[in-house]
Protein backbone atom coordinates (compact mmCIF):
# COMPACT_ATOMS: atom_id res chain seq x y z
CA MET A 1 42.29 13.72 8.33
CA LEU A 2 44.00 16.79 6.36
CA ARG A 3 41.89 15.82 3.57
CA ALA A 4 38.68 16.18 5.09
CA VAL A 5 40.03 19.38 6.84
CA GLN A 6 40.67 20.95 3.14
CA GLN A 7 37.61 19.84 1.95
CA ALA A 8 35.28 21.31 4.88
CA ALA A 9 37.91 24.78 4.55
CA ARG A 10 36.96 24.73 0.95
CA LEU A 11 32.97 23.72 1.68
CA SER A 12 32.59 26.52 4.41
CA ALA A 13 34.34 28.90 1.97
CA ARG A 14 31.85 28.88 -0.29
CA VAL A 15 28.49 28.71 1.77
CA PRO A 16 28.77 31.61 3.90
CA ALA A 17 29.13 33.76 0.78
CA LEU A 18 26.17 32.75 -0.74
CA THR A 19 23.91 33.14 2.53
CA ARG A 20 25.72 36.83 2.84
CA GLY A 21 25.07 37.47 -0.36
CA MET A 22 21.27 36.79 0.34
CA ALA A 23 21.27 38.36 3.43
CA LEU A 24 22.18 41.67 1.53
CA GLU A 25 20.21 41.03 -1.64
CA GLY A 26 18.21 45.05 -1.82
CA THR A 27 19.47 46.50 1.26
CA LYS A 28 22.21 49.12 1.71
CA PHE A 29 24.76 49.06 4.62
CA SER A 30 26.55 51.17 6.04
CA GLU A 31 30.40 50.71 6.46
CA GLY A 32 30.24 50.37 10.45
CA GLU A 33 27.22 47.38 9.70
CA LYS A 34 29.08 45.85 6.89
CA ALA A 35 32.23 45.13 9.66
CA ILE A 36 29.74 44.32 12.38
CA GLU A 37 27.88 41.48 9.95
CA ASP A 38 31.26 40.42 8.90
CA LEU A 39 32.57 40.28 12.73
CA TYR A 40 29.15 37.92 13.44
CA PHE A 41 29.71 35.80 10.31
CA THR A 42 33.47 35.43 11.39
CA LYS A 43 32.67 34.50 14.16
CA GLU A 44 29.81 32.23 13.75
CA ASP A 45 32.56 30.46 10.98
CA GLN A 46 34.80 30.17 13.06
CA ARG A 47 32.26 28.33 16.12
CA LEU A 48 31.24 25.70 13.00
CA MET A 49 34.48 25.04 12.01
CA GLY A 50 35.26 24.18 15.68
CA LYS A 51 32.50 21.76 15.66
CA LEU A 52 33.79 20.24 12.53
CA LEU A 53 37.11 20.02 13.69
CA LEU A 54 35.94 18.44 16.71
CA LYS A 55 34.04 15.79 14.90
CA ILE A 56 36.60 14.85 12.66
CA LYS A 57 39.04 14.55 15.71
CA GLU A 58 36.78 12.24 17.61
CA GLN A 59 36.31 9.84 14.20
CA SER A 60 40.02 10.09 13.53
CA ASP A 61 40.84 8.93 17.59
CA LEU A 62 37.95 5.90 16.93
CA ALA A 63 39.67 5.03 13.77
CA ASP A 64 43.17 4.93 14.46
CA LYS A 65 43.12 4.46 18.44
CA HIS A 66 47.32 3.57 18.60
CA ALA A 67 48.10 7.09 16.92
CA ALA A 68 45.53 8.63 19.10
CA GLU A 69 47.49 6.85 22.07
CA GLY A 70 50.31 8.54 21.09
CA VAL A 71 49.44 11.69 20.42
CA LYS A 72 47.78 11.79 23.41
CA ALA A 73 50.85 10.59 25.33
CA ALA A 74 53.10 13.20 23.72
CA GLU A 75 50.46 15.82 24.39
CA MET A 76 50.75 15.09 27.98
CA SER A 77 54.31 14.77 28.21
CA ALA A 78 54.41 18.51 26.77
CA LEU A 79 52.13 19.72 29.27
CA LYS A 80 53.79 18.46 32.06
CA GLN A 81 57.57 19.86 30.55
CA ILE A 82 55.80 23.42 30.83
CA LEU A 83 54.01 23.18 33.75
CA ALA A 84 56.99 21.21 35.43
CA LYS A 85 57.08 23.85 37.84
CA PHE A 86 53.12 24.08 39.36
CA ASP A 87 51.57 20.80 41.29
CA LEU A 88 48.51 19.97 39.69
CA PRO A 89 46.03 17.67 40.02
CA LYS A 90 45.41 15.39 36.63
CA GLU A 91 41.81 16.66 35.95
CA VAL A 92 43.20 19.82 35.52
CA VAL A 93 45.70 18.83 33.10
CA ASP A 94 43.38 16.36 31.50
CA LYS A 95 41.11 19.68 31.50
CA LEU A 96 43.61 21.89 30.20
CA ILE A 97 44.11 19.43 27.26
CA LYS A 98 40.27 19.31 26.45
CA TRP A 99 40.59 22.81 26.27
CA LYS A 100 43.39 22.53 24.11
CA HIS A 101 41.14 20.45 21.45
CA THR A 102 37.89 22.80 21.60
CA HIS A 103 39.84 26.00 21.15
CA TYR A 104 42.34 25.37 18.87
């Protein structure tokens, strides 16, 4: 899984640079416009990488169900320790775990 993530990171590092270069060809941008464009592409890269990582995790969970169950149990245990003071329903805890996997 780590190898797939590293390869995806290498590929995504090359592709946005090519599209940015083509988009800027023949135009002059001020520093502010360049900063806005960089911010846009950074957010877009984050969104695409998040989708890719989620897909890789889902495929990994399907390929190795035993390891996936162990990871899920460890995550639930750690989260329950953090939230021990609060009486939260299981649905909320499951949503927190899902949020963690989709945003980090």
